[in-house]
């Protein structure tokens, strides 16, 4: 995401609630892109099948959400 002049002006005019929604959407988009990137990276690793890959992805998501128990 790039912050160009137009987007800067839009952000500058936001109230608190609008700013919260905006940054939540930025965070969610970053999370979605990160999830897609590590899924793609795992698909390229030889010897990791679908079941193992899904287990790794599930564990990574738990860690990212702060649900790590081990």
PDB file of N, CA and C in Angstrom:
ATOM      1  N   UNK A   1       0.844  -1.167   0.000  1.00  0.00           N
ATOM      2  CA  UNK A   1       0.000   0.000   0.000  1.00  0.00           C
ATOM      3  C   UNK A   1       0.893   1.236   0.000  1.00  0.00           C
ATOM      4  N   UNK A   2       0.584   2.141  -0.871  1.00  0.00           N
ATOM      5  CA  UNK A   2       1.322   3.396  -0.932  1.00  0.00           C
ATOM      6  C   UNK A   2       0.448   4.523  -0.420  1.00  0.00           C
ATOM      7  N   UNK A   3       1.082   5.439   0.249  1.00  0.00           N
ATOM      8  CA  UNK A   3       0.379   6.612   0.750  1.00  0.00           C
ATOM      9  C   UNK A   3       0.665   7.769  -0.200  1.00  0.00           C
ATOM     10  N   UNK A   4      -0.266   7.988  -1.105  1.00  0.00           N
ATOM     11  CA  UNK A   4      -0.109   9.108  -2.031  1.00  0.00           C
ATOM     12  C   UNK A   4      -0.805  10.343  -1.455  1.00  0.00           C
ATOM     13  N   UNK A   5      -0.696  11.432  -2.150  1.00  0.00           N
ATOM     14  CA  UNK A   5      -1.242  12.705  -1.664  1.00  0.00           C
ATOM     15  C   UNK A   5      -2.757  12.623  -1.433  1.00  0.00           C
ATOM     16  N   UNK A   6      -3.460  11.994  -2.370  1.00  0.00           N
ATOM     17  CA  UNK A   6      -4.918  11.890  -2.256  1.00  0.00           C
ATOM     18  C   UNK A   6      -5.314  11.096  -1.005  1.00  0.00           C
ATOM     19  N   UNK A   7      -4.663   9.942  -0.798  1.00  0.00           N
ATOM     20  CA  UNK A   7      -4.972   9.109   0.371  1.00  0.00           C
ATOM     21  C   UNK A   7      -4.613   9.855   1.663  1.00  0.00           C
ATOM     22  N   UNK A   8      -3.501  10.582   1.637  1.00  0.00           N
ATOM     23  CA  UNK A   8      -3.096  11.369   2.799  1.00  0.00           C
ATOM     24  C   UNK A   8      -4.175  12.389   3.165  1.00  0.00           C
ATOM     25  N   UNK A   9      -4.710  13.066   2.172  1.00  0.00           N
ATOM     26  CA  UNK A   9      -5.752  14.063   2.417  1.00  0.00           C
ATOM     27  C   UNK A   9      -7.016  13.407   2.977  1.00  0.00           C
ATOM     28  N   UNK A  10      -7.368  12.224   2.454  1.00  0.00           N
ATOM     29  CA  UNK A  10      -8.535  11.499   2.967  1.00  0.00           C
ATOM     30  C   UNK A  10      -8.341  11.122   4.434  1.00  0.00           C
ATOM     31  N   UNK A  11      -7.157  10.618   4.752  1.00  0.00           N
ATOM     32  CA  UNK A  11      -6.861  10.206   6.127  1.00  0.00           C
ATOM     33  C   UNK A  11      -6.883  11.415   7.063  1.00  0.00           C
ATOM     34  N   UNK A  12      -6.339  12.502   6.604  1.00  0.00           N
ATOM     35  CA  UNK A  12      -6.261  13.722   7.411  1.00  0.00           C
ATOM     36  C   UNK A  12      -7.650  14.216   7.833  1.00  0.00           C
ATOM     37  N   UNK A  13      -8.655  13.968   7.007  1.00  0.00           N
ATOM     38  CA  UNK A  13     -10.018  14.438   7.277  1.00  0.00           C
ATOM     39  C   UNK A  13     -10.851  13.451   8.103  1.00  0.00           C
ATOM     40  N   UNK A  14     -10.308  12.279   8.410  1.00  0.00           N
ATOM     41  CA  UNK A  14     -11.081  11.254   9.118  1.00  0.00           C
ATOM     42  C   UNK A  14     -11.269  11.597  10.586  1.00  0.00           C
ATOM     43  N   UNK A  15     -12.426  11.175  11.116  1.00  0.00           N
ATOM     44  CA  UNK A  15     -12.623  11.270  12.558  1.00  0.00           C
ATOM     45  C   UNK A  15     -12.094   9.977  13.195  1.00  0.00           C
ATOM     46  N   UNK A  16     -12.215   9.881  14.504  1.00  0.00           N
ATOM     47  CA  UNK A  16     -11.640   8.746  15.226  1.00  0.00           C
ATOM     48  C   UNK A  16     -12.207   7.401  14.757  1.00  0.00           C
ATOM     49  N   UNK A  17     -13.503   7.305  14.625  1.00  0.00           N
ATOM     50  CA  UNK A  17     -14.141   6.046  14.214  1.00  0.00           C
ATOM     51  C   UNK A  17     -13.734   5.658  12.794  1.00  0.00           C
ATOM     52  N   UNK A  18     -13.685   6.632  11.903  1.00  0.00           N
ATOM     53  CA  UNK A  18     -13.265   6.353  10.524  1.00  0.00           C
ATOM     54  C   UNK A  18     -11.817   5.879  10.498  1.00  0.00           C
ATOM     55  N   UNK A  19     -10.971   6.512  11.312  1.00  0.00           N
ATOM     56  CA  UNK A  19      -9.557   6.130  11.373  1.00  0.00           C
ATOM     57  C   UNK A  19      -9.413   4.701  11.894  1.00  0.00           C
ATOM     58  N   UNK A  20     -10.189   4.352  12.926  1.00  0.00           N
ATOM     59  CA  UNK A  20     -10.166   2.980  13.447  1.00  0.00           C
ATOM     60  C   UNK A  20     -10.536   1.975  12.360  1.00  0.00           C
ATOM     61  N   UNK A  21     -11.605   2.260  11.626  1.00  0.00           N
ATOM     62  CA  UNK A  21     -12.024   1.348  10.553  1.00  0.00           C
ATOM     63  C   UNK A  21     -10.961   1.259   9.461  1.00  0.00           C
ATOM     64  N   UNK A  22     -10.366   2.387   9.122  1.00  0.00           N
ATOM     65  CA  UNK A  22      -9.339   2.408   8.077  1.00  0.00           C
ATOM     66  C   UNK A  22      -8.148   1.542   8.478  1.00  0.00           C
ATOM     67  N   UNK A  23      -7.619   1.744   9.694  1.00  0.00           N
ATOM     68  CA  UNK A  23      -6.450   0.972  10.113  1.00  0.00           C
ATOM     69  C   UNK A  23      -6.788  -0.500  10.314  1.00  0.00           C
ATOM     70  N   UNK A  24      -8.009  -0.805  10.706  1.00  0.00           N
ATOM     71  CA  UNK A  24      -8.421  -2.209  10.796  1.00  0.00           C
ATOM     72  C   UNK A  24      -8.411  -2.849   9.414  1.00  0.00           C
ATOM     73  N   UNK A  25      -8.859  -2.118   8.397  1.00  0.00           N
ATOM     74  CA  UNK A  25      -8.843  -2.666   7.034  1.00  0.00           C
ATOM     75  C   UNK A  25      -7.412  -2.832   6.533  1.00  0.00           C
ATOM     76  N   UNK A  26      -6.520  -1.910   6.884  1.00  0.00           N
ATOM     77  CA  UNK A  26      -5.107  -2.029   6.503  1.00  0.00           C
ATOM     78  C   UNK A  26      -4.501  -3.266   7.160  1.00  0.00           C
ATOM     79  N   UNK A  27      -4.779  -3.453   8.456  1.00  0.00           N
ATOM     80  CA  UNK A  27      -4.262  -4.616   9.177  1.00  0.00           C
ATOM     81  C   UNK A  27      -4.785  -5.922   8.584  1.00  0.00           C
ATOM     82  N   UNK A  28      -6.081  -5.961   8.299  1.00  0.00           N
ATOM     83  CA  UNK A  28      -6.690  -7.170   7.740  1.00  0.00           C
ATOM     84  C   UNK A  28      -6.103  -7.496   6.367  1.00  0.00           C
ATOM     85  N   UNK A  29      -5.876  -6.482   5.556  1.00  0.00           N
ATOM     86  CA  UNK A  29      -5.283  -6.701   4.234  1.00  0.00           C
ATOM     87  C   UNK A  29      -3.855  -7.230   4.366  1.00  0.00           C
ATOM     88  N   UNK A  30      -3.095  -6.681   5.299  1.00  0.00           N
ATOM     89  CA  UNK A  30      -1.739  -7.173   5.542  1.00  0.00           C
ATOM     90  C   UNK A  30      -1.737  -8.614   6.020  1.00  0.00           C
ATOM     91  N   UNK A  31      -2.667  -8.939   6.900  1.00  0.00           N
ATOM     92  CA  UNK A  31      -2.786 -10.307   7.398  1.00  0.00           C
ATOM     93  C   UNK A  31      -3.154 -11.263   6.266  1.00  0.00           C
ATOM     94  N   UNK A  32      -4.074 -10.853   5.407  1.00  0.00           N
ATOM     95  CA  UNK A  32      -4.487 -11.691   4.284  1.00  0.00           C
ATOM     96  C   UNK A  32      -3.314 -11.942   3.340  1.00  0.00           C
ATOM     97  N   UNK A  33      -2.545 -10.899   3.057  1.00  0.00           N
ATOM     98  CA  UNK A  33      -1.394 -11.042   2.164  1.00  0.00           C
ATOM     99  C   UNK A  33      -0.311 -11.916   2.787  1.00  0.00           C
ATOM    100  N   UNK A  34      -0.082 -11.762   4.086  1.00  0.00           N
ATOM    101  CA  UNK A  34       0.915 -12.580   4.772  1.00  0.00           C
ATOM    102  C   UNK A  34       0.509 -14.047   4.750  1.00  0.00           C
ATOM    103  N   UNK A  35      -0.767 -14.310   5.020  1.00  0.00           N
ATOM    104  CA  UNK A  35      -1.272 -15.683   5.015  1.00  0.00           C
ATOM    105  C   UNK A  35      -1.097 -16.310   3.629  1.00  0.00           C
ATOM    106  N   UNK A  36      -1.432 -15.571   2.591  1.00  0.00           N
ATOM    107  CA  UNK A  36      -1.280 -16.077   1.221  1.00  0.00           C
ATOM    108  C   UNK A  36       0.190 -16.315   0.895  1.00  0.00           C
ATOM    109  N   UNK A  37       1.072 -15.438   1.375  1.00  0.00           N
ATOM    110  CA  UNK A  37       2.501 -15.569   1.082  1.00  0.00           C
ATOM    111  C   UNK A  37       3.094 -16.807   1.749  1.00  0.00           C
ATOM    112  N   UNK A  38       2.758 -17.064   3.021  1.00  0.00           N
ATOM    113  CA  UNK A  38       3.357 -18.243   3.635  1.00  0.00           C
ATOM    114  C   UNK A  38       2.715 -19.524   3.147  1.00  0.00           C
ATOM    115  N   UNK A  39       1.462 -19.494   2.706  1.00  0.00           N
ATOM    116  CA  UNK A  39       0.874 -20.683   2.086  1.00  0.00           C
ATOM    117  C   UNK A  39       1.588 -20.993   0.775  1.00  0.00           C
ATOM    118  N   UNK A  40       1.839 -19.968  -0.008  1.00  0.00           N
ATOM    119  CA  UNK A  40       2.539 -20.152  -1.279  1.00  0.00           C
ATOM    120  C   UNK A  40       3.960 -20.646  -1.045  1.00  0.00           C
ATOM    121  N   UNK A  41       4.633 -20.105  -0.033  1.00  0.00           N
ATOM    122  CA  UNK A  41       6.001 -20.531   0.269  1.00  0.00           C
ATOM    123  C   UNK A  41       6.031 -21.996   0.684  1.00  0.00           C
ATOM    124  N   UNK A  42       5.069 -22.426   1.494  1.00  0.00           N
ATOM    125  CA  UNK A  42       5.035 -23.820   1.932  1.00  0.00           C
ATOM    126  C   UNK A  42       4.724 -24.769   0.782  1.00  0.00           C
ATOM    127  N   UNK A  43       3.927 -24.321  -0.172  1.00  0.00           N
ATOM    128  CA  UNK A  43       3.607 -25.172  -1.316  1.00  0.00           C
ATOM    129  C   UNK A  43       4.848 -25.480  -2.141  1.00  0.00           C
ATOM    130  N   UNK A  44       5.840 -24.610  -2.088  1.00  0.00           N
ATOM    131  CA  UNK A  44       7.056 -24.808  -2.862  1.00  0.00           C
ATOM    132  C   UNK A  44       8.104 -25.664  -2.173  1.00  0.00           C
ATOM    133  N   UNK A  45       7.849 -26.096  -0.936  1.00  0.00           N
ATOM    134  CA  UNK A  45       8.826 -26.895  -0.203  1.00  0.00           C
ATOM    135  C   UNK A  45       8.605 -28.368  -0.519  1.00  0.00           C
ATOM    136  N   UNK A  46       9.620 -29.027  -1.085  1.00  0.00           N
ATOM    137  CA  UNK A  46       9.464 -30.451  -1.401  1.00  0.00           C
ATOM    138  C   UNK A  46       9.304 -31.284  -0.126  1.00  0.00           C
ATOM    139  N   UNK A  47       8.456 -32.278  -0.187  1.00  0.00           N
ATOM    140  CA  UNK A  47       8.264 -33.187   0.932  1.00  0.00           C
ATOM    141  C   UNK A  47       7.178 -32.765   1.909  1.00  0.00           C
ATOM    142  N   UNK A  48       6.591 -31.612   1.702  1.00  0.00           N
ATOM    143  CA  UNK A  48       5.494 -31.180   2.573  1.00  0.00           C
ATOM    144  C   UNK A  48       4.191 -31.371   1.810  1.00  0.00           C
ATOM    145  N   UNK A  49       3.403 -32.317   2.283  1.00  0.00           N
ATOM    146  CA  UNK A  49       2.123 -32.588   1.643  1.00  0.00           C
ATOM    147  C   UNK A  49       1.036 -31.659   2.149  1.00  0.00           C
ATOM    148  N   UNK A  50      -0.163 -31.875   1.636  1.00  0.00           N
ATOM    149  CA  UNK A  50      -1.286 -31.008   1.980  1.00  0.00           C
ATOM    150  C   UNK A  50      -1.591 -31.022   3.479  1.00  0.00           C
ATOM    151  N   UNK A  51      -1.643 -32.215   4.074  1.00  0.00           N
ATOM    152  CA  UNK A  51      -1.990 -32.328   5.493  1.00  0.00           C
ATOM    153  C   UNK A  51      -0.949 -31.628   6.369  1.00  0.00           C
ATOM    154  N   UNK A  52       0.322 -31.848   6.098  1.00  0.00           N
ATOM    155  CA  UNK A  52       1.386 -31.220   6.883  1.00  0.00           C
ATOM    156  C   UNK A  52       1.351 -29.702   6.706  1.00  0.00           C
ATOM    157  N   UNK A  53       1.158 -29.268   5.461  1.00  0.00           N
ATOM    158  CA  UNK A  53       1.105 -27.830   5.157  1.00  0.00           C
ATOM    159  C   UNK A  53      -0.043 -27.168   5.925  1.00  0.00           C
ATOM    160  N   UNK A  54      -1.213 -27.805   5.925  1.00  0.00           N
ATOM    161  CA  UNK A  54      -2.362 -27.249   6.644  1.00  0.00           C
ATOM    162  C   UNK A  54      -2.103 -27.193   8.144  1.00  0.00           C
ATOM    163  N   UNK A  55      -1.396 -28.199   8.677  1.00  0.00           N
ATOM    164  CA  UNK A  55      -1.040 -28.184  10.099  1.00  0.00           C
ATOM    165  C   UNK A  55      -0.103 -27.038  10.441  1.00  0.00           C
ATOM    166  N   UNK A  56       0.878 -26.807   9.586  1.00  0.00           N
ATOM    167  CA  UNK A  56       1.820 -25.706   9.799  1.00  0.00           C
ATOM    168  C   UNK A  56       1.087 -24.367   9.720  1.00  0.00           C
ATOM    169  N   UNK A  57       0.222 -24.229   8.742  1.00  0.00           N
ATOM    170  CA  UNK A  57      -0.530 -22.983   8.575  1.00  0.00           C
ATOM    171  C   UNK A  57      -1.431 -22.740   9.783  1.00  0.00           C
ATOM    172  N   UNK A  58      -2.095 -23.781  10.253  1.00  0.00           N
ATOM    173  CA  UNK A  58      -2.971 -23.647  11.421  1.00  0.00           C
ATOM    174  C   UNK A  58      -2.164 -23.218  12.648  1.00  0.00           C
ATOM    175  N   UNK A  59      -0.997 -23.814  12.845  1.00  0.00           N
ATOM    176  CA  UNK A  59      -0.151 -23.462  13.986  1.00  0.00           C
ATOM    177  C   UNK A  59       0.339 -22.019  13.868  1.00  0.00           C
ATOM    178  N   UNK A  60       0.735 -21.619  12.667  1.00  0.00           N
ATOM    179  CA  UNK A  60       1.196 -20.243  12.449  1.00  0.00           C
ATOM    180  C   UNK A  60       0.078 -19.249  12.748  1.00  0.00           C
ATOM    181  N   UNK A  61      -1.137 -19.567  12.348  1.00  0.00           N
ATOM    182  CA  UNK A  61      -2.270 -18.679  12.613  1.00  0.00           C
ATOM    183  C   UNK A  61      -2.547 -18.573  14.113  1.00  0.00           C
ATOM    184  N   UNK A  62      -2.390 -19.677  14.841  1.00  0.00           N
ATOM    185  CA  UNK A  62      -2.560 -19.634  16.295  1.00  0.00           C
ATOM    186  C   UNK A  62      -1.524 -18.709  16.922  1.00  0.00           C
ATOM    187  N   UNK A  63      -0.290 -18.806  16.453  1.00  0.00           N
ATOM    188  CA  UNK A  63       0.780 -17.957  16.984  1.00  0.00           C
ATOM    189  C   UNK A  63       0.492 -16.491  16.682  1.00  0.00           C
ATOM    190  N   UNK A  64       0.077 -16.204  15.453  1.00  0.00           N
ATOM    191  CA  UNK A  64      -0.208 -14.819  15.073  1.00  0.00           C
ATOM    192  C   UNK A  64      -1.370 -14.232  15.873  1.00  0.00           C
ATOM    193  N   UNK A  65      -2.315 -15.070  16.251  1.00  0.00           N
ATOM    194  CA  UNK A  65      -3.466 -14.598  17.034  1.00  0.00           C
ATOM    195  C   UNK A  65      -3.176 -14.588  18.533  1.00  0.00           C
ATOM    196  N   UNK A  66      -1.997 -15.074  18.932  1.00  0.00           N
ATOM    197  CA  UNK A  66      -1.644 -15.094  20.348  1.00  0.00           C
ATOM    198  C   UNK A  66      -2.253 -16.244  21.105  1.00  0.00           C
ATOM    199  N   UNK A  67      -2.605 -17.311  20.413  1.00  0.00           N
ATOM    200  CA  UNK A  67      -3.249 -18.467  21.046  1.00  0.00           C
ATOM    201  C   UNK A  67      -2.266 -19.595  21.307  1.00  0.00           C
ATOM    202  N   UNK A  68      -0.976 -19.318  21.256  1.00  0.00           N
ATOM    203  CA  UNK A  68       0.052 -20.338  21.431  1.00  0.00           C
ATOM    204  C   UNK A  68       0.047 -20.836  22.872  1.00  0.00           C
ATOM    205  N   UNK A  69      -0.095 -22.140  23.054  1.00  0.00           N
ATOM    206  CA  UNK A  69      -0.154 -22.732  24.392  1.00  0.00           C
ATOM    207  C   UNK A  69       1.115 -23.478  24.762  1.00  0.00           C
ATOM    208  N   UNK A  70       1.865 -23.936  23.783  1.00  0.00           N
ATOM    209  CA  UNK A  70       3.023 -24.810  24.052  1.00  0.00           C
ATOM    210  C   UNK A  70       4.205 -24.045  24.537  1.00  0.00           C
TER     211      UNK A  70
END
